[in-house]
Amino acid sequence: MLTSGSNVAISSDDERQWEDDDHAYDRARRAVDRGETLPIVELLERLKTRVPGEVVGVEFEREDGKWLYEFKVIDSRGRLIEVYVDAQTGTVLSVEED
């Protein structure tokens, strides 16, 4: 299990999802190595201050020339929140209740 503080965690099931998602983990690692994105651990740290809860899903994609992370977070009230983050800057672009 990969964790980042007590409020945000990625479960082992989510780690397996990375493997199934067209090698998203490898794409993310290469983007970090090239300096195109911040490491996910750093992004998770920033995320927990903005949207506390448990991360239950992660998607990594390129949209309009930018790398984005979509984090699915269960908040303290049990709501599923989708948080879109610019992977290069760590800026939260939007927070939406699913």
N, C-alpha and C. Protein backbone atom coordinates (compact mmCIF):
# COMPACT_ATOMS: atom_id res chain seq x y z
N MET A 1 0.85 -1.19 0.00
CA MET A 1 0.00 0.00 0.00
C MET A 1 0.88 1.23 0.00
N LEU A 2 0.57 2.18 -0.86
CA LEU A 2 1.26 3.46 -0.93
C LEU A 2 0.43 4.47 -0.17
N THR A 3 1.03 5.12 0.81
CA THR A 3 0.27 6.11 1.56
C THR A 3 0.98 7.43 1.54
N SER A 4 0.21 8.45 1.80
CA SER A 4 0.76 9.80 1.88
C SER A 4 0.02 10.51 3.00
N GLY A 5 0.42 10.28 4.23
CA GLY A 5 -0.27 10.89 5.36
C GLY A 5 -1.46 10.05 5.78
N SER A 6 -2.07 10.41 6.89
CA SER A 6 -3.16 9.61 7.42
C SER A 6 -4.48 9.86 6.72
N ASN A 7 -4.63 10.96 6.00
CA ASN A 7 -5.91 11.26 5.38
C ASN A 7 -6.02 10.78 3.94
N VAL A 8 -4.92 10.46 3.29
CA VAL A 8 -4.96 10.10 1.88
C VAL A 8 -4.16 8.83 1.69
N ALA A 9 -4.75 7.85 0.98
CA ALA A 9 -4.05 6.59 0.74
C ALA A 9 -4.49 6.03 -0.60
N ILE A 10 -3.61 5.26 -1.21
CA ILE A 10 -3.95 4.50 -2.40
C ILE A 10 -3.83 3.03 -2.01
N SER A 11 -4.89 2.28 -2.21
CA SER A 11 -4.89 0.88 -1.81
C SER A 11 -4.16 0.02 -2.83
N SER A 12 -3.87 -1.22 -2.44
CA SER A 12 -3.21 -2.16 -3.34
C SER A 12 -4.03 -2.40 -4.59
N ASP A 13 -5.35 -2.41 -4.46
CA ASP A 13 -6.21 -2.58 -5.64
C ASP A 13 -5.98 -1.47 -6.65
N ASP A 14 -5.78 -0.24 -6.16
CA ASP A 14 -5.52 0.88 -7.06
C ASP A 14 -4.17 0.72 -7.74
N GLU A 15 -3.18 0.16 -7.04
CA GLU A 15 -1.89 -0.07 -7.65
C GLU A 15 -2.03 -1.07 -8.79
N ARG A 16 -2.85 -2.11 -8.62
CA ARG A 16 -3.09 -3.06 -9.70
C ARG A 16 -3.81 -2.38 -10.86
N GLN A 17 -4.70 -1.44 -10.57
CA GLN A 17 -5.42 -0.71 -11.62
C GLN A 17 -4.43 0.00 -12.53
N TRP A 18 -3.35 0.55 -11.95
CA TRP A 18 -2.33 1.21 -12.76
C TRP A 18 -1.83 0.25 -13.84
N GLU A 19 -1.59 -1.01 -13.47
CA GLU A 19 -1.06 -1.98 -14.40
C GLU A 19 -2.06 -2.23 -15.53
N ASP A 20 -3.34 -2.20 -15.22
CA ASP A 20 -4.39 -2.49 -16.19
C ASP A 20 -4.71 -1.30 -17.08
N ASP A 21 -4.31 -0.13 -16.70
CA ASP A 21 -4.70 1.09 -17.40
C ASP A 21 -3.67 1.46 -18.47
N ASP A 22 -3.47 0.57 -19.45
CA ASP A 22 -2.62 0.88 -20.58
C ASP A 22 -1.27 1.44 -20.16
N HIS A 23 -0.71 0.87 -19.11
CA HIS A 23 0.61 1.24 -18.62
C HIS A 23 0.69 2.69 -18.12
N ALA A 24 -0.38 3.16 -17.49
CA ALA A 24 -0.42 4.53 -16.97
C ALA A 24 0.72 4.78 -15.99
N TYR A 25 1.03 3.78 -15.17
CA TYR A 25 2.11 3.96 -14.21
C TYR A 25 3.42 4.26 -14.94
N ASP A 26 3.69 3.50 -16.00
CA ASP A 26 4.93 3.72 -16.76
C ASP A 26 4.94 5.10 -17.41
N ARG A 27 3.79 5.53 -17.96
CA ARG A 27 3.72 6.86 -18.56
C ARG A 27 3.99 7.94 -17.52
N ALA A 28 3.40 7.77 -16.33
CA ALA A 28 3.59 8.74 -15.26
C ALA A 28 5.06 8.78 -14.82
N ARG A 29 5.67 7.62 -14.67
CA ARG A 29 7.08 7.55 -14.24
C ARG A 29 7.98 8.26 -15.25
N ARG A 30 7.73 8.00 -16.54
CA ARG A 30 8.55 8.64 -17.57
C ARG A 30 8.33 10.15 -17.57
N ALA A 31 7.10 10.60 -17.36
CA ALA A 31 6.81 12.03 -17.31
C ALA A 31 7.53 12.69 -16.14
N VAL A 32 7.58 12.02 -15.00
CA VAL A 32 8.32 12.55 -13.84
C VAL A 32 9.81 12.61 -14.17
N ASP A 33 10.33 11.54 -14.75
CA ASP A 33 11.76 11.50 -15.09
C ASP A 33 12.16 12.61 -16.06
N ARG A 34 11.24 12.97 -16.95
CA ARG A 34 11.51 14.05 -17.92
C ARG A 34 11.24 15.43 -17.34
N GLY A 35 10.74 15.51 -16.11
CA GLY A 35 10.45 16.79 -15.49
C GLY A 35 9.13 17.40 -15.94
N GLU A 36 8.28 16.60 -16.57
CA GLU A 36 7.00 17.09 -17.06
C GLU A 36 5.91 17.09 -15.99
N THR A 37 6.11 16.31 -14.95
CA THR A 37 5.13 16.22 -13.87
C THR A 37 5.84 16.13 -12.53
N LEU A 38 5.09 16.45 -11.49
CA LEU A 38 5.58 16.26 -10.13
C LEU A 38 5.35 14.80 -9.73
N PRO A 39 6.14 14.29 -8.79
CA PRO A 39 5.90 12.94 -8.29
C PRO A 39 4.52 12.85 -7.63
N ILE A 40 3.88 11.71 -7.78
CA ILE A 40 2.53 11.54 -7.25
C ILE A 40 2.49 11.73 -5.74
N VAL A 41 3.55 11.36 -5.04
CA VAL A 41 3.58 11.53 -3.59
C VAL A 41 3.45 13.00 -3.22
N GLU A 42 4.13 13.86 -3.96
CA GLU A 42 4.03 15.29 -3.71
C GLU A 42 2.62 15.81 -4.03
N LEU A 43 2.04 15.32 -5.11
CA LEU A 43 0.69 15.74 -5.47
C LEU A 43 -0.33 15.28 -4.42
N LEU A 44 -0.15 14.08 -3.88
CA LEU A 44 -1.05 13.59 -2.84
C LEU A 44 -0.95 14.43 -1.57
N GLU A 45 0.26 14.86 -1.23
CA GLU A 45 0.44 15.73 -0.07
C GLU A 45 -0.34 17.03 -0.25
N ARG A 46 -0.22 17.62 -1.43
CA ARG A 46 -0.93 18.86 -1.71
C ARG A 46 -2.45 18.63 -1.71
N LEU A 47 -2.86 17.50 -2.25
CA LEU A 47 -4.28 17.20 -2.36
C LEU A 47 -4.95 17.08 -0.99
N LYS A 48 -4.27 16.45 -0.05
CA LYS A 48 -4.91 16.22 1.25
C LYS A 48 -5.19 17.51 2.01
N THR A 49 -4.48 18.59 1.70
CA THR A 49 -4.79 19.86 2.35
C THR A 49 -6.01 20.53 1.72
N ARG A 50 -6.26 20.21 0.46
CA ARG A 50 -7.40 20.80 -0.26
C ARG A 50 -8.67 19.95 -0.14
N VAL A 51 -8.51 18.63 -0.26
CA VAL A 51 -9.65 17.71 -0.24
C VAL A 51 -9.28 16.51 0.62
N PRO A 52 -9.45 16.64 1.95
CA PRO A 52 -9.10 15.52 2.82
C PRO A 52 -10.02 14.33 2.57
N GLY A 53 -9.47 13.15 2.68
CA GLY A 53 -10.24 11.94 2.50
C GLY A 53 -9.34 10.81 2.03
N GLU A 54 -9.97 9.73 1.59
CA GLU A 54 -9.24 8.56 1.11
C GLU A 54 -9.29 8.51 -0.41
N VAL A 55 -8.13 8.47 -1.04
CA VAL A 55 -8.06 8.34 -2.49
C VAL A 55 -8.38 6.89 -2.84
N VAL A 56 -9.42 6.71 -3.66
CA VAL A 56 -9.84 5.36 -4.03
C VAL A 56 -9.65 5.08 -5.52
N GLY A 57 -9.21 6.08 -6.27
CA GLY A 57 -8.96 5.88 -7.69
C GLY A 57 -8.09 6.99 -8.23
N VAL A 58 -7.30 6.65 -9.23
CA VAL A 58 -6.40 7.62 -9.86
C VAL A 58 -6.38 7.35 -11.35
N GLU A 59 -6.49 8.41 -12.14
CA GLU A 59 -6.30 8.31 -13.58
C GLU A 59 -5.26 9.34 -13.98
N PHE A 60 -4.42 8.97 -14.92
CA PHE A 60 -3.36 9.84 -15.43
C PHE A 60 -3.56 9.96 -16.93
N GLU A 61 -3.71 11.19 -17.42
CA GLU A 61 -3.98 11.36 -18.84
C GLU A 61 -3.41 12.67 -19.34
N ARG A 62 -3.29 12.75 -20.64
CA ARG A 62 -2.84 13.98 -21.29
C ARG A 62 -4.05 14.61 -21.95
N GLU A 63 -4.31 15.87 -21.63
CA GLU A 63 -5.45 16.58 -22.18
C GLU A 63 -5.04 17.99 -22.56
N ASP A 64 -5.31 18.36 -23.77
CA ASP A 64 -4.94 19.69 -24.28
C ASP A 64 -3.46 20.00 -24.06
N GLY A 65 -2.61 18.99 -24.24
CA GLY A 65 -1.17 19.18 -24.10
C GLY A 65 -0.65 19.18 -22.69
N LYS A 66 -1.52 18.92 -21.69
CA LYS A 66 -1.10 18.91 -20.28
C LYS A 66 -1.34 17.54 -19.68
N TRP A 67 -0.44 17.16 -18.78
CA TRP A 67 -0.65 15.95 -17.99
C TRP A 67 -1.58 16.29 -16.84
N LEU A 68 -2.60 15.48 -16.66
CA LEU A 68 -3.57 15.67 -15.58
C LEU A 68 -3.72 14.39 -14.78
N TYR A 69 -3.97 14.58 -13.49
CA TYR A 69 -4.40 13.47 -12.64
C TYR A 69 -5.85 13.72 -12.27
N GLU A 70 -6.63 12.66 -12.31
CA GLU A 70 -7.98 12.70 -11.76
C GLU A 70 -7.96 11.78 -10.54
N PHE A 71 -8.14 12.38 -9.38
CA PHE A 71 -8.19 11.61 -8.13
C PHE A 71 -9.64 11.45 -7.72
N LYS A 72 -10.03 10.25 -7.38
CA LYS A 72 -11.35 10.00 -6.82
C LYS A 72 -11.15 9.84 -5.32
N VAL A 73 -11.83 10.69 -4.55
CA VAL A 73 -11.63 10.76 -3.10
C VAL A 73 -12.96 10.55 -2.39
N ILE A 74 -12.95 9.72 -1.37
CA ILE A 74 -14.11 9.58 -0.49
C ILE A 74 -13.86 10.52 0.69
N ASP A 75 -14.74 11.51 0.85
CA ASP A 75 -14.53 12.48 1.93
C ASP A 75 -15.10 11.95 3.25
N SER A 76 -15.01 12.76 4.30
CA SER A 76 -15.41 12.33 5.64
C SER A 76 -16.91 12.05 5.76
N ARG A 77 -17.69 12.57 4.82
CA ARG A 77 -19.14 12.31 4.82
C ARG A 77 -19.53 11.15 3.93
N GLY A 78 -18.52 10.49 3.33
CA GLY A 78 -18.78 9.35 2.47
C GLY A 78 -19.11 9.71 1.03
N ARG A 79 -18.93 10.96 0.67
CA ARG A 79 -19.21 11.40 -0.70
C ARG A 79 -18.01 11.10 -1.60
N LEU A 80 -18.28 10.76 -2.85
CA LEU A 80 -17.23 10.56 -3.83
C LEU A 80 -16.96 11.89 -4.52
N ILE A 81 -15.73 12.35 -4.43
CA ILE A 81 -15.31 13.63 -5.00
C ILE A 81 -14.28 13.35 -6.09
N GLU A 82 -14.44 13.99 -7.25
CA GLU A 82 -13.45 13.91 -8.31
C GLU A 82 -12.63 15.19 -8.29
N VAL A 83 -11.33 15.04 -8.22
CA VAL A 83 -10.43 16.19 -8.15
C VAL A 83 -9.47 16.11 -9.33
N TYR A 84 -9.47 17.15 -10.15
CA TYR A 84 -8.58 17.22 -11.30
C TYR A 84 -7.41 18.12 -10.95
N VAL A 85 -6.20 17.60 -11.17
CA VAL A 85 -4.97 18.29 -10.77
C VAL A 85 -4.02 18.37 -11.96
N ASP A 86 -3.46 19.56 -12.19
CA ASP A 86 -2.41 19.73 -13.17
C ASP A 86 -1.18 19.01 -12.63
N ALA A 87 -0.74 17.96 -13.33
CA ALA A 87 0.34 17.12 -12.82
C ALA A 87 1.69 17.82 -12.80
N GLN A 88 1.86 18.87 -13.58
CA GLN A 88 3.13 19.57 -13.60
C GLN A 88 3.25 20.60 -12.49
N THR A 89 2.15 21.29 -12.19
CA THR A 89 2.21 22.37 -11.21
C THR A 89 1.61 21.99 -9.86
N GLY A 90 0.78 20.95 -9.83
CA GLY A 90 0.08 20.58 -8.61
C GLY A 90 -1.16 21.42 -8.35
N THR A 91 -1.52 22.27 -9.29
CA THR A 91 -2.69 23.13 -9.14
C THR A 91 -3.96 22.30 -9.25
N VAL A 92 -4.86 22.46 -8.27
CA VAL A 92 -6.17 21.82 -8.35
C VAL A 92 -6.99 22.61 -9.35
N LEU A 93 -7.41 21.95 -10.41
CA LEU A 93 -8.15 22.61 -11.48
C LEU A 93 -9.64 22.61 -11.22
N SER A 94 -10.15 21.51 -10.64
CA SER A 94 -11.56 21.46 -10.29
C SER A 94 -11.82 20.38 -9.26
N VAL A 95 -12.88 20.58 -8.50
CA VAL A 95 -13.33 19.63 -7.49
C VAL A 95 -14.83 19.45 -7.73
N GLU A 96 -15.23 18.21 -8.01
CA GLU A 96 -16.62 17.94 -8.34
C GLU A 96 -17.14 16.77 -7.53
N GLU A 97 -18.35 16.88 -7.05
CA GLU A 97 -18.98 15.75 -6.39
C GLU A 97 -19.53 14.84 -7.46
N ASP A 98 -19.24 13.55 -7.35
CA ASP A 98 -19.68 12.58 -8.36
C ASP A 98 -21.05 12.06 -8.04
